[in-house]
Amino acid sequence: MIRLVVFDAYGTLFDVYAIAELAEQLFPGNGSALSVLWRDKQIEYSRLISLSDPRAQGSQHYQDFWTLTQLALDYAFARLSLKATADQRQGLLDQYA
């Protein structure tokens, strides 16, 4: 008897690298780097939050994945020295939404 079915949708069922096409349109020559760095940072932030001690003094432990997605995008912009407008940022975020 099957009791549980689990899907790893992120990166398995959803093409998380499709964002590179829009990123390339918005930031020519940087689309691939932006999309890879953004995704890598999402995963890193998610892993760090999951593994950190929620009882640590001053800890603001829980961050939902959407918040981490936004923080990771902002990190990628800064790391690649890309100046994004609010509309460009929102357009990229809308690709995930």
PDB file of N, CA and C in Angstrom:
ATOM      1  N   MET A   1       0.840  -1.179   0.000  1.00  0.00           N
ATOM      2  CA  MET A   1       0.000   0.000   0.000  1.00  0.00           C
ATOM      3  C   MET A   1       0.891   1.251   0.000  1.00  0.00           C
ATOM      4  N   ILE A   2       0.637   2.156  -0.894  1.00  0.00           N
ATOM      5  CA  ILE A   2       1.373   3.423  -0.960  1.00  0.00           C
ATOM      6  C   ILE A   2       0.815   4.356   0.097  1.00  0.00           C
ATOM      7  N   ARG A   3       1.708   4.857   0.942  1.00  0.00           N
ATOM      8  CA  ARG A   3       1.276   5.748   2.018  1.00  0.00           C
ATOM      9  C   ARG A   3       1.687   7.193   1.784  1.00  0.00           C
ATOM     10  N   LEU A   4       2.689   7.362   0.925  1.00  0.00           N
ATOM     11  CA  LEU A   4       3.197   8.708   0.720  1.00  0.00           C
ATOM     12  C   LEU A   4       3.859   8.812  -0.650  1.00  0.00           C
ATOM     13  N   VAL A   5       3.615   9.910  -1.313  1.00  0.00           N
ATOM     14  CA  VAL A   5       4.282  10.206  -2.567  1.00  0.00           C
ATOM     15  C   VAL A   5       4.891  11.599  -2.414  1.00  0.00           C
ATOM     16  N   VAL A   6       6.174  11.720  -2.739  1.00  0.00           N
ATOM     17  CA  VAL A   6       6.884  12.980  -2.575  1.00  0.00           C
ATOM     18  C   VAL A   6       7.429  13.415  -3.927  1.00  0.00           C
ATOM     19  N   PHE A   7       7.280  14.693  -4.233  1.00  0.00           N
ATOM     20  CA  PHE A   7       7.831  15.263  -5.451  1.00  0.00           C
ATOM     21  C   PHE A   7       8.795  16.377  -5.086  1.00  0.00           C
ATOM     22  N   ASP A   8       9.912  16.385  -5.748  1.00  0.00           N
ATOM     23  CA  ASP A   8      10.861  17.478  -5.631  1.00  0.00           C
ATOM     24  C   ASP A   8      10.604  18.386  -6.825  1.00  0.00           C
ATOM     25  N   ALA A   9       9.674  19.292  -6.678  1.00  0.00           N
ATOM     26  CA  ALA A   9       9.251  20.124  -7.800  1.00  0.00           C
ATOM     27  C   ALA A   9      10.322  21.119  -8.229  1.00  0.00           C
ATOM     28  N   TYR A  10      11.050  21.664  -7.284  1.00  0.00           N
ATOM     29  CA  TYR A  10      12.009  22.727  -7.569  1.00  0.00           C
ATOM     30  C   TYR A  10      13.222  22.163  -8.300  1.00  0.00           C
ATOM     31  N   GLY A  11      13.296  22.447  -9.577  1.00  0.00           N
ATOM     32  CA  GLY A  11      14.411  21.974 -10.379  1.00  0.00           C
ATOM     33  C   GLY A  11      14.171  20.623 -11.024  1.00  0.00           C
ATOM     34  N   THR A  12      13.110  19.951 -10.621  1.00  0.00           N
ATOM     35  CA  THR A  12      12.776  18.648 -11.184  1.00  0.00           C
ATOM     36  C   THR A  12      11.572  18.774 -12.104  1.00  0.00           C
ATOM     37  N   LEU A  13      10.472  19.257 -11.576  1.00  0.00           N
ATOM     38  CA  LEU A  13       9.270  19.452 -12.382  1.00  0.00           C
ATOM     39  C   LEU A  13       9.204  20.844 -13.000  1.00  0.00           C
ATOM     40  N   PHE A  14       9.828  21.816 -12.355  1.00  0.00           N
ATOM     41  CA  PHE A  14       9.839  23.186 -12.851  1.00  0.00           C
ATOM     42  C   PHE A  14      11.222  23.513 -13.398  1.00  0.00           C
ATOM     43  N   ASP A  15      11.264  24.152 -14.541  1.00  0.00           N
ATOM     44  CA  ASP A  15      12.530  24.548 -15.150  1.00  0.00           C
ATOM     45  C   ASP A  15      12.989  25.856 -14.522  1.00  0.00           C
ATOM     46  N   VAL A  16      13.778  25.744 -13.466  1.00  0.00           N
ATOM     47  CA  VAL A  16      14.197  26.938 -12.743  1.00  0.00           C
ATOM     48  C   VAL A  16      15.221  27.769 -13.511  1.00  0.00           C
ATOM     49  N   TYR A  17      15.803  27.205 -14.554  1.00  0.00           N
ATOM     50  CA  TYR A  17      16.781  27.958 -15.338  1.00  0.00           C
ATOM     51  C   TYR A  17      16.149  28.714 -16.508  1.00  0.00           C
ATOM     52  N   ALA A  18      14.837  28.561 -16.698  1.00  0.00           N
ATOM     53  CA  ALA A  18      14.154  29.308 -17.749  1.00  0.00           C
ATOM     54  C   ALA A  18      14.223  30.810 -17.484  1.00  0.00           C
ATOM     55  N   ILE A  19      14.481  31.175 -16.259  1.00  0.00           N
ATOM     56  CA  ILE A  19      14.615  32.575 -15.891  1.00  0.00           C
ATOM     57  C   ILE A  19      15.757  33.247 -16.641  1.00  0.00           C
ATOM     58  N   ALA A  20      16.721  32.467 -17.081  1.00  0.00           N
ATOM     59  CA  ALA A  20      17.903  33.010 -17.763  1.00  0.00           C
ATOM     60  C   ALA A  20      17.525  33.767 -19.029  1.00  0.00           C
ATOM     61  N   GLU A  21      16.481  33.329 -19.702  1.00  0.00           N
ATOM     62  CA  GLU A  21      16.074  33.997 -20.942  1.00  0.00           C
ATOM     63  C   GLU A  21      15.640  35.434 -20.667  1.00  0.00           C
ATOM     64  N   LEU A  22      14.782  35.617 -19.673  1.00  0.00           N
ATOM     65  CA  LEU A  22      14.358  36.977 -19.329  1.00  0.00           C
ATOM     66  C   LEU A  22      15.538  37.769 -18.767  1.00  0.00           C
ATOM     67  N   ALA A  23      16.333  37.135 -17.927  1.00  0.00           N
ATOM     68  CA  ALA A  23      17.488  37.823 -17.350  1.00  0.00           C
ATOM     69  C   ALA A  23      18.437  38.311 -18.442  1.00  0.00           C
ATOM     70  N   GLU A  24      18.600  37.510 -19.480  1.00  0.00           N
ATOM     71  CA  GLU A  24      19.469  37.906 -20.599  1.00  0.00           C
ATOM     72  C   GLU A  24      18.883  39.099 -21.352  1.00  0.00           C
ATOM     73  N   GLN A  25      17.565  39.123 -21.500  1.00  0.00           N
ATOM     74  CA  GLN A  25      16.920  40.263 -22.166  1.00  0.00           C
ATOM     75  C   GLN A  25      17.102  41.545 -21.351  1.00  0.00           C
ATOM     76  N   LEU A  26      17.002  41.407 -20.032  1.00  0.00           N
ATOM     77  CA  LEU A  26      17.103  42.573 -19.158  1.00  0.00           C
ATOM     78  C   LEU A  26      18.544  43.020 -18.928  1.00  0.00           C
ATOM     79  N   PHE A  27      19.465  42.052 -18.889  1.00  0.00           N
ATOM     80  CA  PHE A  27      20.869  42.336 -18.598  1.00  0.00           C
ATOM     81  C   PHE A  27      21.744  41.582 -19.599  1.00  0.00           C
ATOM     82  N   PRO A  28      21.820  42.073 -20.832  1.00  0.00           N
ATOM     83  CA  PRO A  28      22.554  41.372 -21.890  1.00  0.00           C
ATOM     84  C   PRO A  28      23.972  40.977 -21.461  1.00  0.00           C
ATOM     85  N   GLY A  29      24.293  39.715 -21.733  1.00  0.00           N
ATOM     86  CA  GLY A  29      25.593  39.179 -21.381  1.00  0.00           C
ATOM     87  C   GLY A  29      25.692  38.671 -19.957  1.00  0.00           C
ATOM     88  N   ASN A  30      24.645  38.875 -19.153  1.00  0.00           N
ATOM     89  CA  ASN A  30      24.664  38.478 -17.745  1.00  0.00           C
ATOM     90  C   ASN A  30      23.519  37.544 -17.354  1.00  0.00           C
ATOM     91  N   GLY A  31      22.672  37.182 -18.309  1.00  0.00           N
ATOM     92  CA  GLY A  31      21.491  36.389 -17.987  1.00  0.00           C
ATOM     93  C   GLY A  31      21.795  35.052 -17.356  1.00  0.00           C
ATOM     94  N   SER A  32      22.715  34.324 -17.943  1.00  0.00           N
ATOM     95  CA  SER A  32      23.063  33.011 -17.420  1.00  0.00           C
ATOM     96  C   SER A  32      23.697  33.124 -16.038  1.00  0.00           C
ATOM     97  N   ALA A  33      24.652  34.021 -15.890  1.00  0.00           N
ATOM     98  CA  ALA A  33      25.326  34.199 -14.600  1.00  0.00           C
ATOM     99  C   ALA A  33      24.333  34.614 -13.522  1.00  0.00           C
ATOM    100  N   LEU A  34      23.426  35.520 -13.862  1.00  0.00           N
ATOM    101  CA  LEU A  34      22.425  35.977 -12.901  1.00  0.00           C
ATOM    102  C   LEU A  34      21.519  34.828 -12.467  1.00  0.00           C
ATOM    103  N   SER A  35      21.023  34.061 -13.417  1.00  0.00           N
ATOM    104  CA  SER A  35      20.086  32.984 -13.065  1.00  0.00           C
ATOM    105  C   SER A  35      20.762  31.886 -12.247  1.00  0.00           C
ATOM    106  N   VAL A  36      22.004  31.543 -12.583  1.00  0.00           N
ATOM    107  CA  VAL A  36      22.715  30.499 -11.834  1.00  0.00           C
ATOM    108  C   VAL A  36      23.046  30.980 -10.423  1.00  0.00           C
ATOM    109  N   LEU A  37      23.579  32.196 -10.313  1.00  0.00           N
ATOM    110  CA  LEU A  37      23.927  32.728  -9.001  1.00  0.00           C
ATOM    111  C   LEU A  37      22.684  32.879  -8.131  1.00  0.00           C
ATOM    112  N   TRP A  38      21.594  33.345  -8.716  1.00  0.00           N
ATOM    113  CA  TRP A  38      20.342  33.515  -7.986  1.00  0.00           C
ATOM    114  C   TRP A  38      19.866  32.178  -7.432  1.00  0.00           C
ATOM    115  N   ARG A  39      19.830  31.163  -8.263  1.00  0.00           N
ATOM    116  CA  ARG A  39      19.367  29.843  -7.814  1.00  0.00           C
ATOM    117  C   ARG A  39      20.307  29.257  -6.767  1.00  0.00           C
ATOM    118  N   ASP A  40      21.595  29.366  -6.987  1.00  0.00           N
ATOM    119  CA  ASP A  40      22.553  28.846  -6.014  1.00  0.00           C
ATOM    120  C   ASP A  40      22.381  29.518  -4.658  1.00  0.00           C
ATOM    121  N   LYS A  41      22.169  30.814  -4.671  1.00  0.00           N
ATOM    122  CA  LYS A  41      22.008  31.549  -3.416  1.00  0.00           C
ATOM    123  C   LYS A  41      20.679  31.193  -2.746  1.00  0.00           C
ATOM    124  N   GLN A  42      19.623  30.962  -3.532  1.00  0.00           N
ATOM    125  CA  GLN A  42      18.352  30.495  -2.944  1.00  0.00           C
ATOM    126  C   GLN A  42      18.570  29.208  -2.165  1.00  0.00           C
ATOM    127  N   ILE A  43      19.253  28.262  -2.790  1.00  0.00           N
ATOM    128  CA  ILE A  43      19.494  26.971  -2.166  1.00  0.00           C
ATOM    129  C   ILE A  43      20.376  27.142  -0.926  1.00  0.00           C
ATOM    130  N   GLU A  44      21.410  27.956  -1.046  1.00  0.00           N
ATOM    131  CA  GLU A  44      22.306  28.180   0.097  1.00  0.00           C
ATOM    132  C   GLU A  44      21.554  28.800   1.265  1.00  0.00           C
ATOM    133  N   TYR A  45      20.783  29.856   1.001  1.00  0.00           N
ATOM    134  CA  TYR A  45      20.008  30.492   2.065  1.00  0.00           C
ATOM    135  C   TYR A  45      19.036  29.500   2.690  1.00  0.00           C
ATOM    136  N   SER A  46      18.369  28.728   1.874  1.00  0.00           N
ATOM    137  CA  SER A  46      17.403  27.749   2.371  1.00  0.00           C
ATOM    138  C   SER A  46      18.095  26.720   3.265  1.00  0.00           C
ATOM    139  N   ARG A  47      19.234  26.231   2.826  1.00  0.00           N
ATOM    140  CA  ARG A  47      19.988  25.247   3.610  1.00  0.00           C
ATOM    141  C   ARG A  47      20.455  25.857   4.933  1.00  0.00           C
ATOM    142  N   LEU A  48      20.981  27.062   4.897  1.00  0.00           N
ATOM    143  CA  LEU A  48      21.460  27.695   6.124  1.00  0.00           C
ATOM    144  C   LEU A  48      20.333  27.915   7.131  1.00  0.00           C
ATOM    145  N   ILE A  49      19.191  28.361   6.655  1.00  0.00           N
ATOM    146  CA  ILE A  49      18.044  28.570   7.542  1.00  0.00           C
ATOM    147  C   ILE A  49      17.586  27.241   8.128  1.00  0.00           C
ATOM    148  N   SER A  50      17.544  26.214   7.295  1.00  0.00           N
ATOM    149  CA  SER A  50      17.086  24.897   7.749  1.00  0.00           C
ATOM    150  C   SER A  50      18.014  24.289   8.793  1.00  0.00           C
ATOM    151  N   LEU A  51      19.306  24.543   8.666  1.00  0.00           N
ATOM    152  CA  LEU A  51      20.286  23.925   9.547  1.00  0.00           C
ATOM    153  C   LEU A  51      20.658  24.776  10.757  1.00  0.00           C
ATOM    154  N   SER A  52      20.236  26.023  10.782  1.00  0.00           N
ATOM    155  CA  SER A  52      20.615  26.886  11.898  1.00  0.00           C
ATOM    156  C   SER A  52      19.748  26.585  13.125  1.00  0.00           C
ATOM    157  N   ASP A  53      20.264  26.967  14.263  1.00  0.00           N
ATOM    158  CA  ASP A  53      19.584  26.715  15.534  1.00  0.00           C
ATOM    159  C   ASP A  53      18.528  27.794  15.770  1.00  0.00           C
ATOM    160  N   PRO A  54      17.249  27.424  15.761  1.00  0.00           N
ATOM    161  CA  PRO A  54      16.194  28.426  15.945  1.00  0.00           C
ATOM    162  C   PRO A  54      16.184  29.017  17.352  1.00  0.00           C
ATOM    163  N   ARG A  55      16.906  28.394  18.276  1.00  0.00           N
ATOM    164  CA  ARG A  55      16.933  28.877  19.665  1.00  0.00           C
ATOM    165  C   ARG A  55      18.106  29.806  19.931  1.00  0.00           C
ATOM    166  N   ALA A  56      18.943  30.031  18.940  1.00  0.00           N
ATOM    167  CA  ALA A  56      20.115  30.888  19.134  1.00  0.00           C
ATOM    168  C   ALA A  56      19.679  32.293  19.524  1.00  0.00           C
ATOM    169  N   GLN A  57      20.451  32.894  20.429  1.00  0.00           N
ATOM    170  CA  GLN A  57      20.126  34.228  20.897  1.00  0.00           C
ATOM    171  C   GLN A  57      20.066  35.212  19.733  1.00  0.00           C
ATOM    172  N   GLY A  58      18.993  35.969  19.659  1.00  0.00           N
ATOM    173  CA  GLY A  58      18.835  36.963  18.609  1.00  0.00           C
ATOM    174  C   GLY A  58      18.462  36.375  17.257  1.00  0.00           C
ATOM    175  N   SER A  59      18.166  35.089  17.229  1.00  0.00           N
ATOM    176  CA  SER A  59      17.868  34.413  15.965  1.00  0.00           C
ATOM    177  C   SER A  59      16.513  34.848  15.410  1.00  0.00           C
ATOM    178  N   GLN A  60      16.517  35.173  14.147  1.00  0.00           N
ATOM    179  CA  GLN A  60      15.269  35.373  13.412  1.00  0.00           C
ATOM    180  C   GLN A  60      15.218  34.213  12.441  1.00  0.00           C
ATOM    181  N   HIS A  61      15.046  33.041  13.005  1.00  0.00           N
ATOM    182  CA  HIS A  61      15.279  31.776  12.303  1.00  0.00           C
ATOM    183  C   HIS A  61      14.476  31.615  11.023  1.00  0.00           C
ATOM    184  N   TYR A  62      13.181  31.603  11.104  1.00  0.00           N
ATOM    185  CA  TYR A  62      12.382  31.220   9.951  1.00  0.00           C
ATOM    186  C   TYR A  62      12.290  32.338   8.921  1.00  0.00           C
ATOM    187  N   GLN A  63      12.538  31.987   7.680  1.00  0.00           N
ATOM    188  CA  GLN A  63      12.307  32.865   6.535  1.00  0.00           C
ATOM    189  C   GLN A  63      11.616  32.001   5.491  1.00  0.00           C
ATOM    190  N   ASP A  64      10.499  32.438   4.975  1.00  0.00           N
ATOM    191  CA  ASP A  64       9.828  31.632   3.962  1.00  0.00           C
ATOM    192  C   ASP A  64      10.628  31.660   2.656  1.00  0.00           C
ATOM    193  N   PHE A  65      10.342  30.693   1.787  1.00  0.00           N
ATOM    194  CA  PHE A  65      11.134  30.550   0.573  1.00  0.00           C
ATOM    195  C   PHE A  65      11.006  31.773  -0.337  1.00  0.00           C
ATOM    196  N   TRP A  66       9.859  32.415  -0.344  1.00  0.00           N
ATOM    197  CA  TRP A  66       9.685  33.604  -1.175  1.00  0.00           C
ATOM    198  C   TRP A  66      10.603  34.730  -0.700  1.00  0.00           C
ATOM    199  N   THR A  67      10.717  34.902   0.605  1.00  0.00           N
ATOM    200  CA  THR A  67      11.629  35.912   1.151  1.00  0.00           C
ATOM    201  C   THR A  67      13.072  35.580   0.781  1.00  0.00           C
ATOM    202  N   LEU A  68      13.438  34.306   0.901  1.00  0.00           N
ATOM    203  CA  LEU A  68      14.786  33.887   0.528  1.00  0.00           C
ATOM    204  C   LEU A  68      15.042  34.096  -0.960  1.00  0.00           C
ATOM    205  N   THR A  69      14.016  33.887  -1.777  1.00  0.00           N
ATOM    206  CA  THR A  69      14.129  34.104  -3.224  1.00  0.00           C
ATOM    207  C   THR A  69      14.440  35.567  -3.517  1.00  0.00           C
ATOM    208  N   GLN A  70      13.751  36.471  -2.834  1.00  0.00           N
ATOM    209  CA  GLN A  70      13.986  37.904  -3.028  1.00  0.00           C
ATOM    210  C   GLN A  70      15.377  38.306  -2.541  1.00  0.00           C
ATOM    211  N   LEU A  71      15.763  37.810  -1.376  1.00  0.00           N
ATOM    212  CA  LEU A  71      17.088  38.119  -0.843  1.00  0.00           C
ATOM    213  C   LEU A  71      18.188  37.590  -1.762  1.00  0.00           C
ATOM    214  N   ALA A  72      17.974  36.409  -2.307  1.00  0.00           N
ATOM    215  CA  ALA A  72      18.962  35.812  -3.209  1.00  0.00           C
ATOM    216  C   ALA A  72      19.086  36.620  -4.498  1.00  0.00           C
ATOM    217  N   LEU A  73      17.973  37.110  -5.013  1.00  0.00           N
ATOM    218  CA  LEU A  73      18.022  37.935  -6.217  1.00  0.00           C
ATOM    219  C   LEU A  73      18.783  39.223  -5.941  1.00  0.00           C
ATOM    220  N   ASP A  74      18.497  39.849  -4.825  1.00  0.00           N
ATOM    221  CA  ASP A  74      19.204  41.089  -4.472  1.00  0.00           C
ATOM    222  C   ASP A  74      20.703  40.833  -4.305  1.00  0.00           C
ATOM    223  N   TYR A  75      21.050  39.700  -3.715  1.00  0.00           N
ATOM    224  CA  TYR A  75      22.454  39.331  -3.593  1.00  0.00           C
ATOM    225  C   TYR A  75      23.096  39.192  -4.978  1.00  0.00           C
ATOM    226  N   ALA A  76      22.415  38.491  -5.879  1.00  0.00           N
ATOM    227  CA  ALA A  76      22.954  38.263  -7.224  1.00  0.00           C
ATOM    228  C   ALA A  76      23.151  39.585  -7.963  1.00  0.00           C
ATOM    229  N   PHE A  77      22.197  40.493  -7.852  1.00  0.00           N
ATOM    230  CA  PHE A  77      22.362  41.812  -8.461  1.00  0.00           C
ATOM    231  C   PHE A  77      23.626  42.486  -7.936  1.00  0.00           C
ATOM    232  N   ALA A  78      23.781  42.500  -6.623  1.00  0.00           N
ATOM    233  CA  ALA A  78      24.926  43.176  -6.008  1.00  0.00           C
ATOM    234  C   ALA A  78      26.237  42.499  -6.400  1.00  0.00           C
ATOM    235  N   ARG A  79      26.276  41.190  -6.347  1.00  0.00           N
ATOM    236  CA  ARG A  79      27.505  40.429  -6.651  1.00  0.00           C
ATOM    237  C   ARG A  79      27.962  40.646  -8.083  1.00  0.00           C
ATOM    238  N   LEU A  80      26.976  40.769  -9.001  1.00  0.00           N
ATOM    239  CA  LEU A  80      27.295  40.972 -10.412  1.00  0.00           C
ATOM    240  C   LEU A  80      27.335  42.451 -10.797  1.00  0.00           C
ATOM    241  N   SER A  81      27.177  43.329  -9.810  1.00  0.00           N
ATOM    242  CA  SER A  81      27.173  44.787 -10.021  1.00  0.00           C
ATOM    243  C   SER A  81      26.140  45.204 -11.056  1.00  0.00           C
ATOM    244  N   LEU A  82      24.946  44.623 -10.953  1.00  0.00           N
ATOM    245  CA  LEU A  82      23.851  44.958 -11.861  1.00  0.00           C
ATOM    246  C   LEU A  82      22.910  45.927 -11.165  1.00  0.00           C
ATOM    247  N   LYS A  83      22.616  47.019 -11.829  1.00  0.00           N
ATOM    248  CA  LYS A  83      21.693  48.010 -11.298  1.00  0.00           C
ATOM    249  C   LYS A  83      20.308  47.729 -11.883  1.00  0.00           C
ATOM    250  N   ALA A  84      19.459  47.113 -11.097  1.00  0.00           N
ATOM    251  CA  ALA A  84      18.126  46.742 -11.563  1.00  0.00           C
ATOM    252  C   ALA A  84      17.100  47.772 -11.125  1.00  0.00           C
ATOM    253  N   THR A  85      16.184  48.071 -12.016  1.00  0.00           N
ATOM    254  CA  THR A  85      15.059  48.917 -11.643  1.00  0.00           C
ATOM    255  C   THR A  85      14.054  48.066 -10.871  1.00  0.00           C
ATOM    256  N   ALA A  86      13.121  48.715 -10.230  1.00  0.00           N
ATOM    257  CA  ALA A  86      12.069  47.990  -9.503  1.00  0.00           C
ATOM    258  C   ALA A  86      11.275  47.106 -10.464  1.00  0.00           C
ATOM    259  N   ASP A  87      11.036  47.610 -11.672  1.00  0.00           N
ATOM    260  CA  ASP A  87      10.285  46.823 -12.660  1.00  0.00           C
ATOM    261  C   ASP A  87      11.073  45.602 -13.135  1.00  0.00           C
ATOM    262  N   GLN A  88      12.377  45.752 -13.323  1.00  0.00           N
ATOM    263  CA  GLN A  88      13.199  44.608 -13.727  1.00  0.00           C
ATOM    264  C   GLN A  88      13.217  43.548 -12.631  1.00  0.00           C
ATOM    265  N   ARG A  89      13.395  43.991 -11.402  1.00  0.00           N
ATOM    266  CA  ARG A  89      13.406  43.066 -10.270  1.00  0.00           C
ATOM    267  C   ARG A  89      12.077  42.330 -10.182  1.00  0.00           C
ATOM    268  N   GLN A  90      10.979  43.084 -10.264  1.00  0.00           N
ATOM    269  CA  GLN A  90       9.666  42.467 -10.158  1.00  0.00           C
ATOM    270  C   GLN A  90       9.401  41.519 -11.311  1.00  0.00           C
ATOM    271  N   GLY A  91       9.848  41.859 -12.497  1.00  0.00           N
ATOM    272  CA  GLY A  91       9.682  40.986 -13.650  1.00  0.00           C
ATOM    273  C   GLY A  91      10.346  39.640 -13.454  1.00  0.00           C
ATOM    274  N   LEU A  92      11.552  39.658 -12.903  1.00  0.00           N
ATOM    275  CA  LEU A  92      12.254  38.412 -12.618  1.00  0.00           C
ATOM    276  C   LEU A  92      11.542  37.618 -11.522  1.00  0.00           C
ATOM    277  N   LEU A  93      11.103  38.303 -10.485  1.00  0.00           N
ATOM    278  CA  LEU A  93      10.379  37.621  -9.412  1.00  0.00           C
ATOM    279  C   LEU A  93       9.070  37.033  -9.926  1.00  0.00           C
ATOM    280  N   ASP A  94       8.427  37.734 -10.836  1.00  0.00           N
ATOM    281  CA  ASP A  94       7.159  37.231 -11.399  1.00  0.00           C
ATOM    282  C   ASP A  94       7.354  35.919 -12.148  1.00  0.00           C
ATOM    283  N   GLN A  95       8.550  35.699 -12.676  1.00  0.00           N
ATOM    284  CA  GLN A  95       8.830  34.428 -13.368  1.00  0.00           C
ATOM    285  C   GLN A  95       8.683  33.248 -12.400  1.00  0.00           C
ATOM    286  N   TYR A  96       9.063  33.445 -11.145  1.00  0.00           N
ATOM    287  CA  TYR A  96       8.909  32.390 -10.141  1.00  0.00           C
ATOM    288  C   TYR A  96       7.478  32.291  -9.646  1.00  0.00           C
ATOM    289  N   ALA A  97       6.830  33.447  -9.515  1.00  0.00           N
ATOM    290  CA  ALA A  97       5.449  33.450  -9.005  1.00  0.00           C
ATOM    291  C   ALA A  97       4.544  32.772 -10.002  1.00  0.00           C
TER     292      ALA A  97
END
